[in-house]
Structure formats: C-alpha cells, structure tokens
Amino acid sequence: NLVYELSARTWPSHPRSPDYTILRDGRNVWPEWLELI
C-alpha cells in the first residue's frame, strides 16, 4: 500500500543534503535507481 513519491528527489541539488537527490551528476539518474523504478 506504499507509493514512493519522488518530489525533490529529481532536483539537480537539494538545499538540505546532496544525498537527497537520486541523480549521480545533477542530471542523470543513478542506474540502480532506474532499475528499481
């Protein structure tokens, strides 16, 4: 019943932590995240 919502995870950078995005270079999604999705 859990739906994973991706707002703020796709931003090139996040003001609170660089670990919050799922991007490896501010542009491309990490392959492991793409595989999960």
All heavy atoms as atom14 arrays in JSON, in Angstrom:
{
  "sequence": "NLVYELSARTWPSHPRSPDYTILRDGRNVWPEWLELI",
  "atom14_mask": [
    [1, 1, 1, 1, 1, 1, 1, 1, 0, 0, 0, 0, 0, 0],
    [1, 1, 1, 1, 1, 1, 1, 1, 0, 0, 0, 0, 0, 0],
    [1, 1, 1, 1, 1, 1, 1, 0, 0, 0, 0, 0, 0, 0],
    [1, 1, 1, 1, 1, 1, 1, 1, 1, 1, 1, 1, 0, 0],
    [1, 1, 1, 1, 1, 1, 1, 1, 1, 0, 0, 0, 0, 0],
    [1, 1, 1, 1, 1, 1, 1, 1, 0, 0, 0, 0, 0, 0],
    [1, 1, 1, 1, 1, 1, 0, 0, 0, 0, 0, 0, 0, 0],
    [1, 1, 1, 1, 1, 0, 0, 0, 0, 0, 0, 0, 0, 0],
    [1, 1, 1, 1, 1, 1, 1, 1, 1, 1, 1, 0, 0, 0],
    [1, 1, 1, 1, 1, 1, 1, 0, 0, 0, 0, 0, 0, 0],
    [1, 1, 1, 1, 1, 1, 1, 1, 1, 1, 1, 1, 1, 1],
    [1, 1, 1, 1, 1, 1, 1, 0, 0, 0, 0, 0, 0, 0],
    [1, 1, 1, 1, 1, 1, 0, 0, 0, 0, 0, 0, 0, 0],
    [1, 1, 1, 1, 1, 1, 1, 1, 1, 1, 0, 0, 0, 0],
    [1, 1, 1, 1, 1, 1, 1, 0, 0, 0, 0, 0, 0, 0],
    [1, 1, 1, 1, 1, 1, 1, 1, 1, 1, 1, 0, 0, 0],
    [1, 1, 1, 1, 1, 1, 0, 0, 0, 0, 0, 0, 0, 0],
    [1, 1, 1, 1, 1, 1, 1, 0, 0, 0, 0, 0, 0, 0],
    [1, 1, 1, 1, 1, 1, 1, 1, 0, 0, 0, 0, 0, 0],
    [1, 1, 1, 1, 1, 1, 1, 1, 1, 1, 1, 1, 0, 0],
    [1, 1, 1, 1, 1, 1, 1, 0, 0, 0, 0, 0, 0, 0],
    [1, 1, 1, 1, 1, 1, 1, 1, 0, 0, 0, 0, 0, 0],
    [1, 1, 1, 1, 1, 1, 1, 1, 0, 0, 0, 0, 0, 0],
    [1, 1, 1, 1, 1, 1, 1, 1, 1, 1, 1, 0, 0, 0],
    [1, 1, 1, 1, 1, 1, 1, 1, 0, 0, 0, 0, 0, 0],
    [1, 1, 1, 1, 0, 0, 0, 0, 0, 0, 0, 0, 0, 0],
    [1, 1, 1, 1, 1, 1, 1, 1, 1, 1, 1, 0, 0, 0],
    [1, 1, 1, 1, 1, 1, 1, 1, 0, 0, 0, 0, 0, 0],
    [1, 1, 1, 1, 1, 1, 1, 0, 0, 0, 0, 0, 0, 0],
    [1, 1, 1, 1, 1, 1, 1, 1, 1, 1, 1, 1, 1, 1],
    [1, 1, 1, 1, 1, 1, 1, 0, 0, 0, 0, 0, 0, 0],
    [1, 1, 1, 1, 1, 1, 1, 1, 1, 0, 0, 0, 0, 0],
    [1, 1, 1, 1, 1, 1, 1, 1, 1, 1, 1, 1, 1, 1],
    [1, 1, 1, 1, 1, 1, 1, 1, 0, 0, 0, 0, 0, 0],
    [1, 1, 1, 1, 1, 1, 1, 1, 1, 0, 0, 0, 0, 0],
    [1, 1, 1, 1, 1, 1, 1, 1, 0, 0, 0, 0, 0, 0],
    [1, 1, 1, 1, 1, 1, 1, 1, 0, 0, 0, 0, 0, 0]
  ],
  "atom14_positions": [
    [[0.81, -1.22, 0.0], [0.0, 0.0, 0.0], [0.84, 1.27, 0.0], [0.3, 2.38, 0.07], [-0.95, 0.02, 1.2], [-0.24, -0.14, 2.55], [0.77, -0.83, 2.64], [-0.79, 0.47, 3.6], [0.0, 0.0, 0.0], [0.0, 0.0, 0.0], [0.0, 0.0, 0.0], [0.0, 0.0, 0.0], [0.0, 0.0, 0.0], [0.0, 0.0, 0.0]],
    [[2.17, 1.14, -0.11], [3.05, 2.3, -0.09], [3.39, 2.73, -1.51], [3.83, 1.92, -2.33], [4.33, 1.98, 0.68], [5.32, 3.14, 0.84], [4.74, 4.22, 1.75], [6.65, 2.63, 1.4], [0.0, 0.0, 0.0], [0.0, 0.0, 0.0], [0.0, 0.0, 0.0], [0.0, 0.0, 0.0], [0.0, 0.0, 0.0], [0.0, 0.0, 0.0]],
    [[3.2, 4.03, -1.79], [3.58, 4.61, -3.08], [4.71, 5.6, -2.83], [4.57, 6.52, -2.02], [2.38, 5.32, -3.74], [2.79, 5.98, -5.05], [1.24, 4.34, -3.96], [0.0, 0.0, 0.0], [0.0, 0.0, 0.0], [0.0, 0.0, 0.0], [0.0, 0.0, 0.0], [0.0, 0.0, 0.0], [0.0, 0.0, 0.0], [0.0, 0.0, 0.0]],
    [[5.81, 5.42, -3.52], [7.02, 6.21, -3.3], [6.96, 7.46, -4.18], [7.0, 7.36, -5.4], [8.25, 5.36, -3.63], [9.56, 5.83, -3.06], [10.1, 5.2, -1.93], [10.29, 6.85, -3.65], [11.32, 5.6, -1.42], [11.5, 7.25, -3.15], [12.02, 6.63, -2.02], [13.24, 7.03, -1.51], [0.0, 0.0, 0.0], [0.0, 0.0, 0.0]],
    [[6.86, 8.62, -3.55], [6.69, 9.88, -4.28], [8.05, 10.57, -4.42], [8.8, 10.69, -3.44], [5.69, 10.75, -3.53], [5.25, 11.99, -4.28], [5.9, 13.23, -3.74], [5.74, 13.53, -2.54], [6.59, 13.9, -4.53], [0.0, 0.0, 0.0], [0.0, 0.0, 0.0], [0.0, 0.0, 0.0], [0.0, 0.0, 0.0], [0.0, 0.0, 0.0]],
    [[8.37, 11.02, -5.63], [9.73, 11.42, -5.97], [9.96, 12.93, -6.01], [10.98, 13.37, -6.53], [10.12, 10.82, -7.33], [10.31, 9.3, -7.33], [10.28, 8.76, -8.75], [11.63, 8.92, -6.65], [0.0, 0.0, 0.0], [0.0, 0.0, 0.0], [0.0, 0.0, 0.0], [0.0, 0.0, 0.0], [0.0, 0.0, 0.0], [0.0, 0.0, 0.0]],
    [[9.03, 13.72, -5.45], [9.29, 15.17, -5.47], [10.55, 15.48, -4.67], [10.83, 14.87, -3.65], [8.1, 15.94, -4.9], [7.96, 15.73, -3.52], [0.0, 0.0, 0.0], [0.0, 0.0, 0.0], [0.0, 0.0, 0.0], [0.0, 0.0, 0.0], [0.0, 0.0, 0.0], [0.0, 0.0, 0.0], [0.0, 0.0, 0.0], [0.0, 0.0, 0.0]],
    [[11.32, 16.43, -5.19], [12.6, 16.89, -4.62], [13.73, 15.9, -4.81], [14.89, 16.25, -4.62], [12.47, 17.27, -3.15], [0.0, 0.0, 0.0], [0.0, 0.0, 0.0], [0.0, 0.0, 0.0], [0.0, 0.0, 0.0], [0.0, 0.0, 0.0], [0.0, 0.0, 0.0], [0.0, 0.0, 0.0], [0.0, 0.0, 0.0], [0.0, 0.0, 0.0]],
    [[13.42, 14.65, -5.18], [14.47, 13.67, -5.44], [15.08, 13.84, -6.82], [16.16, 13.33, -7.1], [13.93, 12.24, -5.31], [13.21, 11.88, -4.03], [14.04, 12.05, -2.77], [15.3, 11.37, -2.73], [15.51, 10.13, -2.27], [14.5, 9.43, -1.81], [16.71, 9.61, -2.23], [0.0, 0.0, 0.0], [0.0, 0.0, 0.0], [0.0, 0.0, 0.0]],
    [[14.38, 14.55, -7.73], [14.86, 14.74, -9.1], [15.54, 16.09, -9.3], [16.03, 16.36, -10.39], [13.69, 14.63, -10.11], [12.73, 15.65, -9.84], [13.02, 13.27, -10.01], [0.0, 0.0, 0.0], [0.0, 0.0, 0.0], [0.0, 0.0, 0.0], [0.0, 0.0, 0.0], [0.0, 0.0, 0.0], [0.0, 0.0, 0.0], [0.0, 0.0, 0.0]],
    [[15.55, 16.94, -8.25], [16.22, 18.23, -8.4], [17.72, 18.02, -8.62], [18.31, 17.06, -8.09], [16.06, 19.07, -7.14], [14.65, 19.39, -6.76], [13.51, 19.14, -7.46], [14.24, 20.03, -5.54], [12.42, 19.6, -6.77], [12.83, 20.14, -5.59], [14.93, 20.53, -4.43], [12.1, 20.72, -4.55], [14.2, 21.11, -3.4], [12.8, 21.21, -3.47]],
    [[18.38, 18.9, -9.4], [19.84, 18.78, -9.57], [20.61, 18.82, -8.26], [21.65, 18.19, -8.12], [20.19, 19.98, -10.46], [18.93, 20.27, -11.19], [17.82, 19.98, -10.23], [0.0, 0.0, 0.0], [0.0, 0.0, 0.0], [0.0, 0.0, 0.0], [0.0, 0.0, 0.0], [0.0, 0.0, 0.0], [0.0, 0.0, 0.0], [0.0, 0.0, 0.0]],
    [[20.1, 19.57, -7.29], [20.69, 19.58, -5.95], [19.59, 19.88, -4.96], [18.56, 20.46, -5.3], [21.82, 20.61, -5.84], [21.3, 21.92, -6.03], [0.0, 0.0, 0.0], [0.0, 0.0, 0.0], [0.0, 0.0, 0.0], [0.0, 0.0, 0.0], [0.0, 0.0, 0.0], [0.0, 0.0, 0.0], [0.0, 0.0, 0.0], [0.0, 0.0, 0.0]],
    [[19.82, 19.49, -3.7], [18.83, 19.74, -2.65], [19.5, 20.59, -1.57], [20.63, 20.3, -1.16], [18.34, 18.42, -2.06], [17.1, 18.55, -1.23], [17.11, 19.14, 0.02], [15.81, 18.21, -1.48], [15.88, 19.13, 0.51], [15.07, 18.58, -0.38], [0.0, 0.0, 0.0], [0.0, 0.0, 0.0], [0.0, 0.0, 0.0], [0.0, 0.0, 0.0]],
    [[18.81, 21.63, -1.08], [19.45, 22.53, -0.12], [19.77, 21.89, 1.22], [20.65, 22.39, 1.94], [18.41, 23.66, 0.06], [17.11, 23.05, -0.36], [17.45, 22.07, -1.44], [0.0, 0.0, 0.0], [0.0, 0.0, 0.0], [0.0, 0.0, 0.0], [0.0, 0.0, 0.0], [0.0, 0.0, 0.0], [0.0, 0.0, 0.0], [0.0, 0.0, 0.0]],
    [[19.09, 20.79, 1.57], [19.36, 20.19, 2.87], [20.49, 19.17, 2.83], [21.23, 19.02, 3.8], [18.09, 19.53, 3.41], [17.08, 20.5, 3.96], [16.17, 19.83, 4.96], [15.21, 18.95, 4.33], [14.53, 18.0, 4.95], [14.72, 17.8, 6.24], [13.66, 17.25, 4.31], [0.0, 0.0, 0.0], [0.0, 0.0, 0.0], [0.0, 0.0, 0.0]],
    [[20.6, 18.43, 1.74], [21.63, 17.39, 1.66], [21.84, 16.96, 0.22], [20.87, 16.71, -0.5], [21.23, 16.18, 2.5], [22.14, 15.11, 2.29], [0.0, 0.0, 0.0], [0.0, 0.0, 0.0], [0.0, 0.0, 0.0], [0.0, 0.0, 0.0], [0.0, 0.0, 0.0], [0.0, 0.0, 0.0], [0.0, 0.0, 0.0], [0.0, 0.0, 0.0]],
    [[23.1, 16.82, -0.22], [23.35, 16.32, -1.58], [22.91, 14.87, -1.76], [22.73, 14.41, -2.89], [24.87, 16.47, -1.73], [25.4, 16.46, -0.33], [24.35, 17.13, 0.5], [0.0, 0.0, 0.0], [0.0, 0.0, 0.0], [0.0, 0.0, 0.0], [0.0, 0.0, 0.0], [0.0, 0.0, 0.0], [0.0, 0.0, 0.0], [0.0, 0.0, 0.0]],
    [[22.71, 14.15, -0.65], [22.29, 12.75, -0.73], [20.81, 12.6, -1.05], [20.34, 11.49, -1.31], [22.58, 12.02, 0.58], [24.05, 12.01, 0.93], [24.87, 11.91, -0.02], [24.39, 12.1, 2.12], [0.0, 0.0, 0.0], [0.0, 0.0, 0.0], [0.0, 0.0, 0.0], [0.0, 0.0, 0.0], [0.0, 0.0, 0.0], [0.0, 0.0, 0.0]],
    [[20.06, 13.69, -1.01], [18.61, 13.58, -1.18], [18.18, 13.37, -2.62], [17.08, 12.91, -2.88], [17.92, 14.82, -0.62], [17.82, 14.85, 0.89], [17.27, 15.94, 1.55], [18.27, 13.79, 1.66], [17.16, 15.98, 2.92], [18.17, 13.82, 3.05], [17.62, 14.92, 3.67], [17.52, 14.95, 5.03], [0.0, 0.0, 0.0], [0.0, 0.0, 0.0]],
    [[18.99, 13.77, -3.59], [18.6, 13.54, -4.97], [18.96, 12.11, -5.38], [19.81, 11.46, -4.76], [19.29, 14.53, -5.93], [20.64, 14.11, -6.17], [19.26, 15.93, -5.39], [0.0, 0.0, 0.0], [0.0, 0.0, 0.0], [0.0, 0.0, 0.0], [0.0, 0.0, 0.0], [0.0, 0.0, 0.0], [0.0, 0.0, 0.0], [0.0, 0.0, 0.0]],
    [[18.31, 11.63, -6.43], [18.64, 10.31, -6.98], [19.46, 10.45, -8.25], [19.53, 9.53, -9.07], [17.37, 9.47, -7.23], [16.44, 10.15, -8.23], [16.65, 9.19, -5.91], [15.27, 9.28, -8.68], [0.0, 0.0, 0.0], [0.0, 0.0, 0.0], [0.0, 0.0, 0.0], [0.0, 0.0, 0.0], [0.0, 0.0, 0.0], [0.0, 0.0, 0.0]],
    [[20.12, 11.6, -8.39], [20.93, 11.89, -9.57], [22.41, 11.73, -9.23], [22.86, 12.14, -8.16], [20.67, 13.3, -10.07], [19.2, 13.69, -10.28], [19.1, 15.13, -10.77], [18.51, 12.75, -11.26], [0.0, 0.0, 0.0], [0.0, 0.0, 0.0], [0.0, 0.0, 0.0], [0.0, 0.0, 0.0], [0.0, 0.0, 0.0], [0.0, 0.0, 0.0]],
    [[23.15, 11.17, -10.15], [24.58, 10.96, -9.88], [25.43, 12.17, -10.23], [26.58, 12.29, -9.78], [25.08, 9.74, -10.65], [24.99, 9.84, -12.16], [25.45, 8.56, -12.82], [25.32, 8.6, -14.27], [25.64, 7.6, -15.07], [26.1, 6.46, -14.56], [25.49, 7.72, -16.37], [0.0, 0.0, 0.0], [0.0, 0.0, 0.0], [0.0, 0.0, 0.0]],
    [[24.9, 13.06, -11.09], [25.7, 14.19, -11.56], [24.85, 15.45, -11.74], [25.22, 16.34, -12.48], [26.38, 13.84, -12.89], [25.38, 13.36, -13.95], [24.16, 13.44, -13.68], [25.82, 12.92, -15.02], [0.0, 0.0, 0.0], [0.0, 0.0, 0.0], [0.0, 0.0, 0.0], [0.0, 0.0, 0.0], [0.0, 0.0, 0.0], [0.0, 0.0, 0.0]],
    [[23.72, 15.51, -11.04], [22.82, 16.63, -11.21], [21.94, 16.54, -12.43], [21.12, 17.43, -12.68], [0.0, 0.0, 0.0], [0.0, 0.0, 0.0], [0.0, 0.0, 0.0], [0.0, 0.0, 0.0], [0.0, 0.0, 0.0], [0.0, 0.0, 0.0], [0.0, 0.0, 0.0], [0.0, 0.0, 0.0], [0.0, 0.0, 0.0], [0.0, 0.0, 0.0]],
    [[22.04, 15.41, -13.15], [21.32, 15.29, -14.42], [20.81, 13.87, -14.65], [19.63, 13.65, -14.89], [22.23, 15.72, -15.57], [21.59, 15.67, -16.94], [22.54, 16.24, -17.97], [23.81, 15.53, -18.04], [24.89, 15.95, -18.68], [24.86, 17.13, -19.28], [25.98, 15.24, -18.71], [0.0, 0.0, 0.0], [0.0, 0.0, 0.0], [0.0, 0.0, 0.0]],
    [[21.69, 12.91, -14.56], [21.35, 11.52, -14.86], [21.02, 10.74, -13.59], [21.73, 10.83, -12.58], [22.52, 10.83, -15.57], [22.78, 11.45, -16.93], [21.93, 11.44, -17.81], [23.97, 12.01, -17.1], [0.0, 0.0, 0.0], [0.0, 0.0, 0.0], [0.0, 0.0, 0.0], [0.0, 0.0, 0.0], [0.0, 0.0, 0.0], [0.0, 0.0, 0.0]],
    [[19.93, 9.97, -13.66], [19.52, 9.14, -12.53], [20.51, 7.99, -12.37], [20.96, 7.38, -13.35], [18.11, 8.57, -12.77], [17.66, 7.72, -11.59], [17.11, 9.71, -13.01], [0.0, 0.0, 0.0], [0.0, 0.0, 0.0], [0.0, 0.0, 0.0], [0.0, 0.0, 0.0], [0.0, 0.0, 0.0], [0.0, 0.0, 0.0], [0.0, 0.0, 0.0]],
    [[20.85, 7.67, -11.12], [21.71, 6.52, -10.87], [21.09, 5.26, -11.51], [19.88, 5.04, -11.38], [21.86, 6.28, -9.37], [22.81, 7.22, -8.69], [22.49, 8.31, -7.94], [24.24, 7.15, -8.68], [23.62, 8.93, -7.47], [24.71, 8.23, -7.91], [25.16, 6.28, -9.27], [26.07, 8.48, -7.71], [26.53, 6.51, -9.05], [26.97, 7.59, -8.27]],
    [[21.88, 4.45, -12.19], [21.33, 3.24, -12.83], [20.6, 2.34, -11.85], [19.59, 1.71, -12.22], [22.58, 2.55, -13.4], [23.57, 3.63, -13.59], [23.33, 4.62, -12.48], [0.0, 0.0, 0.0], [0.0, 0.0, 0.0], [0.0, 0.0, 0.0], [0.0, 0.0, 0.0], [0.0, 0.0, 0.0], [0.0, 0.0, 0.0], [0.0, 0.0, 0.0]],
    [[21.07, 2.25, -10.61], [20.42, 1.39, -9.63], [19.01, 1.89, -9.28], [18.1, 1.1, -9.05], [21.28, 1.31, -8.37], [22.64, 0.64, -8.57], [23.71, 1.59, -9.09], [23.39, 2.78, -9.38], [24.88, 1.16, -9.22], [0.0, 0.0, 0.0], [0.0, 0.0, 0.0], [0.0, 0.0, 0.0], [0.0, 0.0, 0.0], [0.0, 0.0, 0.0]],
    [[18.84, 3.21, -9.25], [17.51, 3.77, -9.01], [16.6, 3.51, -10.21], [15.42, 3.16, -10.05], [17.59, 5.26, -8.72], [17.81, 5.58, -7.27], [18.99, 5.95, -6.68], [16.84, 5.55, -6.22], [18.79, 6.15, -5.33], [17.5, 5.92, -5.03], [15.47, 5.26, -6.18], [16.82, 6.0, -3.8], [14.8, 5.33, -4.96], [15.48, 5.7, -3.79]],
    [[17.13, 3.68, -11.4], [16.33, 3.38, -12.59], [15.91, 1.91, -12.61], [14.77, 1.59, -12.96], [17.14, 3.7, -13.85], [17.24, 5.17, -14.25], [18.15, 5.32, -15.47], [15.88, 5.76, -14.55], [0.0, 0.0, 0.0], [0.0, 0.0, 0.0], [0.0, 0.0, 0.0], [0.0, 0.0, 0.0], [0.0, 0.0, 0.0], [0.0, 0.0, 0.0]],
    [[16.8, 1.04, -12.21], [16.48, -0.38, -12.18], [15.33, -0.66, -11.2], [14.41, -1.43, -11.51], [17.72, -1.18, -11.77], [17.5, -2.69, -11.74], [18.74, -3.44, -11.31], [19.77, -2.79, -11.01], [18.7, -4.69, -11.25], [0.0, 0.0, 0.0], [0.0, 0.0, 0.0], [0.0, 0.0, 0.0], [0.0, 0.0, 0.0], [0.0, 0.0, 0.0]],
    [[15.37, -0.03, -10.02], [14.31, -0.23, -9.03], [12.98, 0.3, -9.55], [11.93, -0.36, -9.42], [14.67, 0.47, -7.73], [13.63, 0.39, -6.61], [13.44, -1.06, -6.15], [14.02, 1.28, -5.43], [0.0, 0.0, 0.0], [0.0, 0.0, 0.0], [0.0, 0.0, 0.0], [0.0, 0.0, 0.0], [0.0, 0.0, 0.0], [0.0, 0.0, 0.0]],
    [[12.98, 1.48, -10.14], [11.74, 2.08, -10.64], [11.18, 1.26, -11.79], [9.97, 1.01, -11.86], [12.0, 3.55, -11.05], [12.36, 4.38, -9.81], [10.77, 4.14, -11.74], [12.96, 5.74, -10.14], [0.0, 0.0, 0.0], [0.0, 0.0, 0.0], [0.0, 0.0, 0.0], [0.0, 0.0, 0.0], [0.0, 0.0, 0.0], [0.0, 0.0, 0.0]]
  ]
}
